[in-house]
Amino acid sequence: MQIEEEYIRLIFGLKLKQLRTDKNLSLYGLSKLSGLSKSYLNEIENGKKYPKQDKILILSRSLGVSYDELVSLKLDKNLAPVGEILESGILKEIPLELFGIAENDLISIISNAPTKVNAFISTIIEIAQHYNVGIEGFYLAALRSYQEAENNFFPELEEAAVRFAEAYQVDLSKPIKSEELAAILQEEYGYTIMEQGIANDPMLDNLRSIFVPSSKRLLLSTEIDETQKLFIFGKEIAYNFLKLSVRPYTFSWITYNSFDEVLHNFRASYFSGALVVPRDQLSQKLENLLHQDTWSDTNFLELLNGFNASPETVYQRLTNILPNDFRFRNLFFLRFTHKKGDARYYLNKELHITHQQEPQANEYNEHYCRRWISIKTLHQIENQPKDHHFDSQISVYENGSRYLVLSSATPDPFRSDHYRSISLGILLTDRVLKQFKILNDTAKPEIKVGITCESCSISDCELRAAPPRRLQKVKRHQETEERVAALMKAHAGKPEEKA
């Protein structure tokens, strides 16, 4: 009912504004004509208020239209697209407030050019449908944009993790054990933790935990290790300590029912990461690493292994701390998955700080560049199985951008013969190289890389998985245009005069 009433207010406001502008009346002019205050009329047009019957009669007489015409929800052809957008509920699905946008401001923009804006929104929807982007994909894209806009650093969550540690006497100066957080969940929040709550069900083999709110039971998969258990406990504490009641009950998630679930899941994950990999400890280790004379993979691995956390959690924390504490403002984070023997590699998580760097998900079903260290580490762990395979390289893209890329590949504990790689790319700008001289002497070869094989111009690539079809298509179009231009030039002379 609330949504319906809001919809009626918005439609009435749009109609009033259109009728007023059609009569060439300003708000001041309509106020003078009707005797209603300018501020009151402005609130009506913005959908904040719906006038009473006597006020509607005054407005209808002032604008020279019937009462029924003014209150009708039927819109003319100019405003019909706006009505469709409002009625569809799409604006309710977009987390506008997250980006500081008021819904009424957006509606005002739409109403000022309804046909063009409706065409634009329809195009976006069509593209989303064409690439099979559902509402969950939209939610995740909105969250990623939010993270990138904030440089993926959220001081209120960092501070909340510290406040929690102080309140519950958790020593963040040394690695936390899962037993410590389990005790807090049980004694403070009334949880019952079932260590083998998820077992022997192939339909649930990708889940790490399930929370049952009615009984406060936390069911754990038998496949999780200590670091995963610790991270899960940290998330559950976050939901309670931060009072995030709207949340998914499974990890990993099955489906998201609202954007709040997506946002709160992220906030809980961030909080847990800040507990497991505390900012002060990570910053100090980074300070020591970055002020050495030469780069060493061994030293980075010592940093990586210095926390009771998975490589992915530490890499995620690096994307929080490096941009804020060390001003590494151009980073990318990638997570690839791969099945043994499969020719495909899937990019299912990405983050780009400051600007959209080259490695990013594509929807063309093309082959990612096999020269990426993200792909190489997956290939290496597939052929030489181990718990953790690390490697790094300097990747040079066609536009000249140089990145130091660090990559860790691990087996997927929930799926046999599946692997995943986590990669962090640091853009080697002049400022970064000047400030951190260690990055000038990495002893790493520079590897020229592309994006996908289909669009790659590296002619002598020994790892190419597909011909450069998209590049060839572009080249053919260019040659065709040149031929057409030459023909037009050859036939551009004056027409022969008639006898």
Protein backbone atom coordinates (compact mmCIF):
# COMPACT_ATOMS: atom_id res chain seq x y z
CA MET A 1 0.00 0.00 0.00
CA GLN A 2 2.86 2.35 0.86
CA ILE A 3 4.46 1.92 -2.55
CA GLU A 4 1.11 2.46 -4.28
CA GLU A 5 0.48 5.70 -2.35
CA GLU A 6 3.97 6.94 -3.19
CA TYR A 7 3.41 6.10 -6.84
CA ILE A 8 0.14 8.09 -6.83
CA ARG A 9 1.89 11.11 -5.27
CA LEU A 10 4.69 10.99 -7.84
CA ILE A 11 2.30 10.71 -10.79
CA PHE A 12 0.17 13.59 -9.50
CA GLY A 13 3.27 15.75 -9.03
CA LEU A 14 4.53 15.00 -12.55
CA LYS A 15 1.13 15.84 -14.07
CA LEU A 16 0.90 19.07 -12.11
CA LYS A 17 4.36 20.13 -13.23
CA GLN A 18 3.61 19.33 -16.86
CA LEU A 19 0.29 21.22 -16.81
CA ARG A 20 1.96 24.20 -15.15
CA THR A 21 4.80 24.37 -17.67
CA ASP A 22 2.34 23.88 -20.55
CA LYS A 23 0.55 27.01 -19.31
CA ASN A 24 3.92 28.81 -19.15
CA LEU A 25 3.50 29.30 -15.42
CA SER A 26 6.30 29.43 -12.89
CA LEU A 27 5.76 28.04 -9.41
CA TYR A 28 5.43 31.62 -8.25
CA GLY A 29 2.84 32.29 -10.94
CA LEU A 30 0.75 29.23 -10.05
CA SER A 31 1.02 30.17 -6.38
CA LYS A 32 -0.32 33.64 -7.10
CA LEU A 33 -3.09 32.25 -9.33
CA SER A 34 -4.22 29.52 -6.90
CA GLY A 35 -3.50 31.11 -3.55
CA LEU A 36 -1.44 28.07 -2.51
CA SER A 37 2.08 28.65 -1.22
CA LYS A 38 5.04 28.14 -3.55
CA SER A 39 6.74 25.73 -1.08
CA TYR A 40 3.56 23.64 -0.84
CA LEU A 41 3.27 23.42 -4.63
CA ASN A 42 6.94 22.45 -4.85
CA GLU A 43 6.41 19.58 -2.40
CA ILE A 44 3.44 18.36 -4.46
CA GLU A 45 5.46 18.40 -7.69
CA ASN A 46 8.29 16.48 -6.01
CA GLY A 47 5.91 13.74 -4.89
CA LYS A 48 6.27 14.54 -1.20
CA LYS A 49 2.65 15.57 -0.62
CA TYR A 50 -0.72 14.74 -2.10
CA PRO A 51 -3.24 17.61 -1.85
CA LYS A 52 -6.64 17.25 -0.26
CA GLN A 53 -9.81 17.40 -2.35
CA ASP A 54 -10.40 21.14 -1.88
CA LYS A 55 -6.84 21.94 -2.95
CA ILE A 56 -7.16 19.71 -6.04
CA LEU A 57 -10.33 21.64 -7.01
CA ILE A 58 -8.44 24.93 -6.69
CA LEU A 59 -5.58 23.61 -8.84
CA SER A 60 -7.91 22.21 -11.51
CA ARG A 61 -9.68 25.59 -11.83
CA SER A 62 -6.37 27.46 -11.88
CA LEU A 63 -5.00 25.25 -14.67
CA GLY A 64 -8.24 24.99 -16.64
CA VAL A 65 -8.60 21.21 -16.45
CA SER A 66 -11.20 18.96 -14.89
CA TYR A 67 -10.83 17.43 -11.46
CA ASP A 68 -10.97 13.92 -12.96
CA GLU A 69 -8.24 14.69 -15.47
CA LEU A 70 -5.94 15.98 -12.75
CA VAL A 71 -6.35 12.97 -10.42
CA SER A 72 -6.32 10.32 -13.17
CA LEU A 73 -3.28 8.02 -13.16
CA LYS A 74 -3.40 7.91 -16.94
CA LEU A 75 -0.46 9.79 -18.43
CA ASP A 76 -0.13 11.36 -21.86
CA LYS A 77 2.42 10.10 -24.37
CA ASN A 78 5.16 12.40 -23.04
CA LEU A 79 4.91 11.18 -19.46
CA ALA A 80 3.88 7.59 -20.19
CA PRO A 81 7.51 6.32 -20.17
CA VAL A 82 8.02 7.89 -16.73
CA GLY A 83 4.92 6.09 -15.45
CA GLU A 84 6.26 2.80 -16.77
CA ILE A 85 9.56 3.32 -14.96
CA LEU A 86 7.84 4.24 -11.69
CA GLU A 87 5.35 1.39 -11.90
CA SER A 88 8.07 -1.14 -12.74
CA GLY A 89 9.70 -0.51 -9.37
CA ILE A 90 13.18 -0.35 -10.92
CA LEU A 91 14.04 2.78 -8.95
CA LYS A 92 13.36 0.81 -5.75
CA GLU A 93 15.91 -1.79 -6.82
CA ILE A 94 18.66 0.80 -7.35
CA PRO A 95 20.47 1.75 -4.10
CA LEU A 96 20.37 5.46 -4.95
CA GLU A 97 21.05 6.65 -1.40
CA LEU A 98 24.36 4.78 -1.41
CA PHE A 99 25.63 7.19 -4.04
CA GLY A 100 24.06 10.31 -2.52
CA ILE A 101 21.24 10.50 -5.09
CA ALA A 102 17.72 11.44 -4.05
CA GLU A 103 14.97 9.53 -5.85
CA ASN A 104 13.04 12.75 -6.45
CA ASP A 105 16.06 14.30 -8.16
CA LEU A 106 16.26 11.35 -10.51
CA ILE A 107 12.52 11.50 -11.18
CA SER A 108 12.88 15.20 -11.96
CA ILE A 109 15.59 14.42 -14.51
CA ILE A 110 13.43 11.73 -16.06
CA SER A 111 10.36 13.97 -16.23
CA ASN A 112 12.30 16.75 -17.97
CA ALA A 113 13.22 14.48 -20.88
CA PRO A 114 11.02 11.37 -20.48
CA THR A 115 11.37 9.90 -23.96
CA LYS A 116 15.18 10.11 -24.07
CA VAL A 117 15.70 8.93 -20.50
CA ASN A 118 13.24 6.06 -20.95
CA ALA A 119 15.10 5.01 -24.09
CA PHE A 120 18.37 5.10 -22.15
CA ILE A 121 17.00 3.00 -19.26
CA SER A 122 15.40 0.57 -21.70
CA THR A 123 18.77 0.20 -23.42
CA ILE A 124 20.49 -0.57 -20.12
CA ILE A 125 17.82 -3.17 -19.31
CA GLU A 126 18.15 -4.72 -22.77
CA ILE A 127 21.94 -4.94 -22.45
CA ALA A 128 21.55 -6.55 -19.01
CA GLN A 129 19.11 -9.10 -20.41
CA HIS A 130 21.32 -9.77 -23.45
CA TYR A 131 24.28 -10.59 -21.23
CA ASN A 132 22.09 -12.46 -18.73
CA VAL A 133 22.72 -9.95 -15.94
CA GLY A 134 20.02 -10.52 -13.33
CA ILE A 135 19.11 -8.37 -10.35
CA GLU A 136 21.79 -10.09 -8.24
CA GLY A 137 24.43 -9.13 -10.80
CA PHE A 138 23.11 -5.59 -10.65
CA TYR A 139 23.33 -5.57 -6.84
CA LEU A 140 26.92 -6.81 -6.93
CA ALA A 141 27.88 -4.25 -9.60
CA ALA A 142 26.37 -1.48 -7.45
CA LEU A 143 28.33 -2.72 -4.43
CA ARG A 144 31.55 -2.85 -6.44
CA SER A 145 30.99 0.73 -7.62
CA TYR A 146 30.43 1.77 -4.01
CA GLN A 147 33.68 0.11 -2.92
CA GLU A 148 35.61 1.71 -5.75
CA ALA A 149 34.13 5.15 -5.03
CA GLU A 150 35.41 4.88 -1.42
CA ASN A 151 38.80 3.43 -2.48
CA ASN A 152 37.61 0.29 -0.69
CA PHE A 153 38.50 1.76 2.71
CA PHE A 154 35.79 2.16 5.36
CA PRO A 155 37.12 3.77 8.56
CA GLU A 156 33.89 3.18 10.51
CA LEU A 157 34.31 -0.59 10.01
CA GLU A 158 37.99 -0.47 10.90
CA GLU A 159 37.09 1.41 14.09
CA ALA A 160 34.22 -0.99 14.87
CA ALA A 161 36.60 -3.97 14.74
CA VAL A 162 38.97 -2.22 17.16
CA ARG A 163 36.07 -1.28 19.49
CA PHE A 164 34.90 -4.88 19.53
CA ALA A 165 38.40 -6.17 20.30
CA GLU A 166 38.71 -3.72 23.21
CA ALA A 167 35.27 -4.56 24.58
CA TYR A 168 35.86 -8.32 24.49
CA GLN A 169 39.58 -8.24 25.28
CA VAL A 170 40.65 -9.77 21.97
CA ASP A 171 44.38 -9.19 21.48
CA LEU A 172 44.81 -7.96 17.89
CA SER A 173 48.61 -7.92 18.20
CA LYS A 174 48.75 -11.69 17.71
CA PRO A 175 46.86 -14.14 15.48
CA ILE A 176 43.31 -14.85 16.68
CA LYS A 177 42.15 -18.44 17.06
CA SER A 178 38.67 -19.58 16.04
CA GLU A 179 38.03 -20.91 19.56
CA GLU A 180 38.23 -17.37 20.95
CA LEU A 181 35.53 -16.02 18.63
CA ALA A 182 33.44 -19.18 19.03
CA ALA A 183 33.31 -18.58 22.79
CA ILE A 184 32.05 -15.02 22.26
CA LEU A 185 29.37 -16.21 19.85
CA GLN A 186 28.20 -18.82 22.32
CA GLU A 187 28.37 -16.86 25.57
CA GLU A 188 27.49 -13.35 24.38
CA TYR A 189 25.10 -14.01 21.50
CA GLY A 190 23.62 -17.38 22.46
CA TYR A 191 24.85 -19.34 19.43
CA THR A 192 25.00 -23.10 19.20
CA ILE A 193 27.85 -24.08 16.88
CA MET A 194 27.49 -27.43 15.10
CA GLU A 195 30.89 -28.40 13.70
CA GLN A 196 29.46 -31.05 11.37
CA GLY A 197 26.14 -29.41 10.63
CA ILE A 198 26.58 -29.67 6.85
CA ALA A 199 27.77 -33.07 5.71
CA ASN A 200 27.18 -35.72 3.06
CA ASP A 201 24.78 -33.71 0.92
CA PRO A 202 26.04 -33.06 -2.63
CA MET A 203 23.46 -30.27 -3.06
CA LEU A 204 25.12 -28.34 -0.21
CA ASP A 205 28.74 -29.11 -1.02
CA ASN A 206 29.49 -25.48 -1.95
CA LEU A 207 28.25 -24.05 1.38
CA ARG A 208 30.58 -23.29 4.25
CA SER A 209 27.95 -22.36 6.81
CA ILE A 210 24.21 -21.98 7.42
CA PHE A 211 22.73 -19.83 10.19
CA VAL A 212 19.31 -20.79 11.57
CA PRO A 213 17.91 -17.59 13.16
CA SER A 214 15.03 -19.25 15.06
CA SER A 215 17.40 -21.46 17.07
CA LYS A 216 20.62 -19.46 16.65
CA ARG A 217 22.34 -22.56 15.36
CA LEU A 218 25.37 -22.12 13.16
CA LEU A 219 25.87 -25.18 10.96
CA LEU A 220 29.40 -25.62 9.62
CA SER A 221 30.67 -27.64 6.69
CA THR A 222 32.99 -30.52 7.50
CA GLU A 223 35.30 -29.29 4.70
CA ILE A 224 36.27 -25.89 6.15
CA ASP A 225 39.70 -25.30 7.65
CA GLU A 226 40.76 -23.14 10.60
CA THR A 227 41.09 -19.90 8.60
CA GLN A 228 37.66 -20.30 7.02
CA LYS A 229 36.07 -21.11 10.37
CA LEU A 230 37.67 -18.03 11.93
CA PHE A 231 36.41 -15.81 9.11
CA ILE A 232 32.87 -17.20 9.42
CA PHE A 233 32.85 -16.58 13.18
CA GLY A 234 34.07 -13.03 12.53
CA LYS A 235 31.19 -12.43 10.11
CA GLU A 236 28.61 -13.78 12.56
CA ILE A 237 29.98 -11.50 15.28
CA ALA A 238 29.74 -8.58 12.84
CA TYR A 239 26.06 -9.20 12.12
CA ASN A 240 25.38 -8.99 15.85
CA PHE A 241 27.86 -6.29 16.92
CA LEU A 242 26.91 -3.99 14.00
CA LYS A 243 23.21 -4.87 14.37
CA LEU A 244 22.82 -6.00 10.75
CA SER A 245 19.52 -7.84 10.91
CA VAL A 246 18.91 -8.03 7.15
CA ARG A 247 21.45 -10.60 6.01
CA PRO A 248 21.95 -13.79 4.01
CA TYR A 249 21.82 -16.94 6.11
CA THR A 250 24.20 -19.01 4.01
CA PHE A 251 27.89 -18.59 3.21
CA SER A 252 28.55 -18.64 0.37
CA TRP A 253 25.24 -17.01 -0.58
CA ILE A 254 22.60 -18.81 -2.62
CA THR A 255 20.59 -15.77 -3.62
CA TYR A 256 20.25 -12.16 -2.52
CA ASN A 257 16.74 -10.89 -1.87
CA SER A 258 17.61 -7.21 -1.50
CA PHE A 259 20.51 -4.81 -1.84
CA ASP A 260 20.63 -4.49 1.96
CA GLU A 261 21.56 -8.17 2.15
CA VAL A 262 24.42 -7.57 -0.30
CA LEU A 263 25.63 -4.47 1.54
CA HIS A 264 25.39 -6.05 5.00
CA ASN A 265 27.17 -9.18 3.82
CA PHE A 266 29.99 -6.95 2.57
CA ARG A 267 30.11 -4.98 5.82
CA ALA A 268 30.25 -8.18 7.86
CA SER A 269 33.02 -9.56 5.64
CA TYR A 270 35.00 -6.33 5.94
CA PHE A 271 34.62 -6.36 9.74
CA SER A 272 35.76 -9.98 9.92
CA GLY A 273 38.76 -9.23 7.71
CA ALA A 274 39.69 -6.29 9.95
CA LEU A 275 39.65 -8.63 12.97
CA VAL A 276 41.62 -11.43 11.36
CA VAL A 277 44.09 -9.14 9.56
CA PRO A 278 44.25 -6.01 11.76
CA ARG A 279 45.11 -2.74 10.06
CA ASP A 280 47.98 -1.80 12.40
CA GLN A 281 49.74 -5.14 12.03
CA LEU A 282 49.31 -5.26 8.26
CA SER A 283 50.47 -1.65 7.83
CA GLN A 284 53.60 -2.32 9.88
CA LYS A 285 54.45 -5.44 7.89
CA LEU A 286 53.91 -3.54 4.64
CA GLU A 287 56.08 -0.69 5.90
CA ASN A 288 58.91 -3.13 6.58
CA LEU A 289 58.46 -4.86 3.21
CA LEU A 290 58.23 -1.73 1.05
CA HIS A 291 61.29 -0.07 2.56
CA GLN A 292 63.65 -2.92 1.76
CA ASP A 293 66.20 -2.43 -1.00
CA THR A 294 65.00 -5.13 -3.38
CA TRP A 295 61.77 -7.02 -3.93
CA SER A 296 61.62 -10.59 -2.62
CA ASP A 297 58.77 -13.03 -3.17
CA THR A 298 59.93 -14.82 -0.03
CA ASN A 299 59.41 -11.69 2.07
CA PHE A 300 55.94 -11.18 0.65
CA LEU A 301 55.05 -14.79 1.44
CA GLU A 302 56.21 -14.22 5.02
CA LEU A 303 53.76 -11.32 5.22
CA LEU A 304 51.04 -13.45 3.68
CA ASN A 305 51.62 -16.29 6.13
CA GLY A 306 51.88 -14.01 9.16
CA PHE A 307 48.13 -14.06 9.80
CA ASN A 308 45.65 -16.78 10.64
CA ALA A 309 43.87 -16.07 7.35
CA SER A 310 43.48 -17.43 3.84
CA PRO A 311 45.49 -15.81 1.03
CA GLU A 312 42.24 -14.31 -0.32
CA THR A 313 41.48 -12.57 2.98
CA VAL A 314 44.98 -11.05 3.12
CA TYR A 315 44.78 -9.92 -0.52
CA GLN A 316 41.40 -8.35 0.20
CA ARG A 317 42.87 -6.51 3.17
CA LEU A 318 45.70 -5.26 0.98
CA THR A 319 43.08 -3.59 -1.24
CA ASN A 320 41.79 -1.83 1.90
CA ILE A 321 45.12 -0.71 3.36
CA LEU A 322 47.39 0.02 0.38
CA PRO A 323 45.20 2.79 -1.13
CA ASN A 324 44.60 4.52 2.21
CA ASP A 325 47.79 4.09 4.23
CA PHE A 326 50.34 3.99 1.39
CA ARG A 327 48.53 5.94 -1.36
CA PHE A 328 48.64 3.09 -3.87
CA ARG A 329 45.61 4.53 -5.64
CA ASN A 330 45.65 2.31 -8.75
CA LEU A 331 45.07 -1.33 -7.85
CA PHE A 332 43.10 -4.23 -9.19
CA PHE A 333 41.96 -7.41 -7.44
CA LEU A 334 40.95 -10.51 -9.41
CA ARG A 335 39.68 -13.96 -8.47
CA PHE A 336 39.74 -16.66 -11.16
CA THR A 337 38.40 -20.19 -10.94
CA HIS A 338 39.39 -23.13 -13.11
CA LYS A 339 38.55 -26.82 -13.46
CA LYS A 340 41.32 -29.26 -14.19
CA GLY A 341 41.46 -30.12 -17.88
CA ASP A 342 39.09 -27.31 -18.87
CA ALA A 343 40.29 -24.79 -21.45
CA ARG A 344 38.30 -22.01 -19.77
CA TYR A 345 39.22 -19.71 -16.90
CA TYR A 346 36.45 -17.77 -15.16
CA LEU A 347 36.83 -14.33 -13.61
CA ASN A 348 34.13 -14.25 -10.92
CA LYS A 349 35.31 -11.43 -8.68
CA GLU A 350 37.06 -8.17 -9.46
CA LEU A 351 37.72 -4.76 -7.96
CA HIS A 352 39.38 -1.71 -9.50
CA ILE A 353 40.57 1.14 -7.32
CA THR A 354 40.58 4.66 -8.84
CA HIS A 355 40.18 3.69 -12.48
CA GLN A 356 39.15 0.73 -14.57
CA GLN A 357 42.37 -1.13 -15.28
CA GLU A 358 42.77 -3.47 -18.18
CA PRO A 359 42.14 -6.89 -16.57
CA GLN A 360 38.38 -7.06 -16.19
CA ALA A 361 35.53 -9.45 -16.83
CA ASN A 362 34.31 -9.71 -20.41
CA GLU A 363 30.94 -10.91 -21.62
CA TYR A 364 32.09 -12.05 -25.05
CA ASN A 365 32.95 -15.62 -24.06
CA GLU A 366 36.53 -14.99 -25.16
CA HIS A 367 39.81 -16.44 -23.91
CA TYR A 368 41.60 -14.41 -21.24
CA CYS A 369 45.27 -13.72 -21.94
CA ARG A 370 47.34 -16.78 -21.02
CA ARG A 371 50.27 -14.52 -20.18
CA TRP A 372 48.50 -13.18 -17.11
CA ILE A 373 50.11 -14.41 -13.90
CA SER A 374 46.58 -15.15 -12.65
CA ILE A 375 46.25 -17.80 -15.35
CA LYS A 376 49.83 -19.03 -15.03
CA THR A 377 49.50 -19.82 -11.32
CA LEU A 378 46.34 -21.80 -12.02
CA HIS A 379 48.13 -23.73 -14.74
CA GLN A 380 51.06 -24.36 -12.39
CA ILE A 381 48.97 -25.65 -9.48
CA GLU A 382 46.97 -27.85 -11.85
CA ASN A 383 50.16 -29.53 -13.06
CA GLN A 384 52.05 -29.45 -9.76
CA PRO A 385 49.38 -29.83 -7.03
CA LYS A 386 50.21 -28.16 -3.70
CA ASP A 387 48.37 -26.22 -0.99
CA HIS A 388 49.51 -22.81 -2.23
CA HIS A 389 51.35 -21.74 -5.34
CA PHE A 390 52.62 -18.14 -5.49
CA ASP A 391 54.20 -16.22 -8.36
CA SER A 392 54.55 -12.64 -9.56
CA GLN A 393 55.46 -10.69 -12.67
CA ILE A 394 55.47 -7.23 -14.19
CA SER A 395 52.69 -7.11 -16.77
CA VAL A 396 52.95 -4.53 -19.55
CA TYR A 397 49.73 -3.72 -21.40
CA GLU A 398 49.37 -2.43 -24.94
CA ASN A 399 48.73 1.12 -23.68
CA GLY A 400 52.10 1.05 -21.87
CA SER A 401 50.73 0.59 -18.34
CA ARG A 402 53.04 -1.48 -16.12
CA TYR A 403 51.73 -3.47 -13.15
CA LEU A 404 53.46 -5.52 -10.51
CA VAL A 405 51.01 -8.42 -10.21
CA LEU A 406 51.09 -10.84 -7.26
CA SER A 407 49.11 -14.05 -7.55
CA SER A 408 48.29 -16.99 -5.25
CA ALA A 409 46.61 -20.17 -6.46
CA THR A 410 45.02 -22.71 -4.10
CA PRO A 411 42.83 -25.81 -4.50
CA ASP A 412 39.10 -25.29 -4.05
CA PRO A 413 38.35 -27.17 -0.81
CA PHE A 414 34.73 -27.75 -1.81
CA ARG A 415 35.21 -29.09 -5.33
CA SER A 416 37.74 -31.70 -6.35
CA ASP A 417 39.94 -30.84 -9.34
CA HIS A 418 38.96 -27.16 -9.09
CA TYR A 419 41.37 -24.33 -8.38
CA ARG A 420 41.22 -20.60 -7.79
CA SER A 421 43.74 -17.79 -8.04
CA ILE A 422 43.74 -14.46 -6.24
CA SER A 423 45.72 -11.63 -7.80
CA LEU A 424 46.65 -8.10 -6.80
CA GLY A 425 47.95 -5.67 -9.41
CA ILE A 426 49.81 -2.46 -8.49
CA LEU A 427 50.20 0.21 -11.18
CA LEU A 428 53.86 1.28 -11.32
CA THR A 429 53.47 5.04 -11.67
CA ASP A 430 56.36 7.52 -11.43
CA ARG A 431 55.20 8.55 -7.95
CA VAL A 432 55.05 4.97 -6.70
CA LEU A 433 58.47 4.11 -8.14
CA LYS A 434 60.01 7.25 -6.65
CA GLN A 435 58.49 6.72 -3.20
CA PHE A 436 59.08 2.97 -3.00
CA LYS A 437 62.43 2.23 -4.61
CA ILE A 438 61.98 -1.48 -3.91
CA LEU A 439 59.58 -1.58 -6.87
CA ASN A 440 62.34 -0.37 -9.20
CA ASP A 441 64.37 -3.48 -8.50
CA THR A 442 62.02 -6.45 -8.53
CA ALA A 443 64.31 -8.64 -10.66
CA LYS A 444 61.16 -9.59 -12.51
CA PRO A 445 60.97 -9.90 -16.29
CA GLU A 446 58.50 -7.60 -18.00
CA ILE A 447 55.83 -9.65 -19.76
CA LYS A 448 53.80 -8.07 -22.52
CA VAL A 449 50.15 -9.04 -22.04
CA GLY A 450 46.82 -8.55 -23.75
CA ILE A 451 43.21 -8.76 -22.56
CA THR A 452 41.73 -11.65 -24.52
CA CYS A 453 43.26 -13.72 -27.29
CA GLU A 454 40.53 -12.56 -29.64
CA SER A 455 41.55 -8.91 -29.24
CA CYS A 456 45.32 -9.32 -28.76
CA SER A 457 47.90 -7.84 -31.14
CA ILE A 458 50.86 -9.92 -29.90
CA SER A 459 51.69 -11.77 -33.12
CA ASP A 460 54.31 -14.17 -31.71
CA CYS A 461 52.47 -15.26 -28.55
CA GLU A 462 53.39 -18.84 -27.73
CA LEU A 463 50.38 -19.23 -25.41
CA ARG A 464 47.64 -17.99 -27.73
CA ALA A 465 44.42 -19.98 -27.25
CA ALA A 466 42.42 -18.43 -30.11
CA PRO A 467 43.10 -16.29 -33.21
CA PRO A 468 42.67 -12.50 -32.87
CA ARG A 469 39.23 -12.53 -34.54
CA ARG A 470 37.95 -9.31 -33.02
CA LEU A 471 41.15 -7.49 -33.93
CA GLN A 472 40.97 -8.88 -37.46
CA LYS A 473 37.38 -7.69 -37.76
CA VAL A 474 38.36 -4.17 -36.71
CA LYS A 475 41.25 -4.18 -39.17
CA ARG A 476 38.98 -5.36 -41.98
CA HIS A 477 36.50 -2.56 -41.24
CA GLN A 478 39.32 -0.01 -41.33
CA GLU A 479 40.57 -1.33 -44.67
CA THR A 480 37.02 -1.28 -46.07
CA GLU A 481 36.58 2.34 -44.99
CA GLU A 482 39.89 3.26 -46.62
CA ARG A 483 38.85 1.58 -49.88
CA VAL A 484 35.50 3.38 -49.83
CA ALA A 485 37.24 6.71 -49.16
CA ALA A 486 39.62 6.09 -52.07
CA LEU A 487 36.72 5.27 -54.43
CA MET A 488 34.81 8.36 -53.35
CA LYS A 489 37.88 10.50 -53.93
CA ALA A 490 38.44 8.98 -57.39
CA HIS A 491 34.87 9.73 -58.39
CA ALA A 492 34.66 13.20 -56.86
CA GLY A 493 35.26 15.06 -60.16
CA LYS A 494 32.70 17.42 -61.73
CA PRO A 495 29.85 15.66 -63.55
CA GLU A 496 30.07 15.75 -67.34
CA GLU A 497 28.18 18.64 -68.90
CA LYS A 498 25.14 17.77 -70.92
CA ALA A 499 25.42 18.34 -74.69
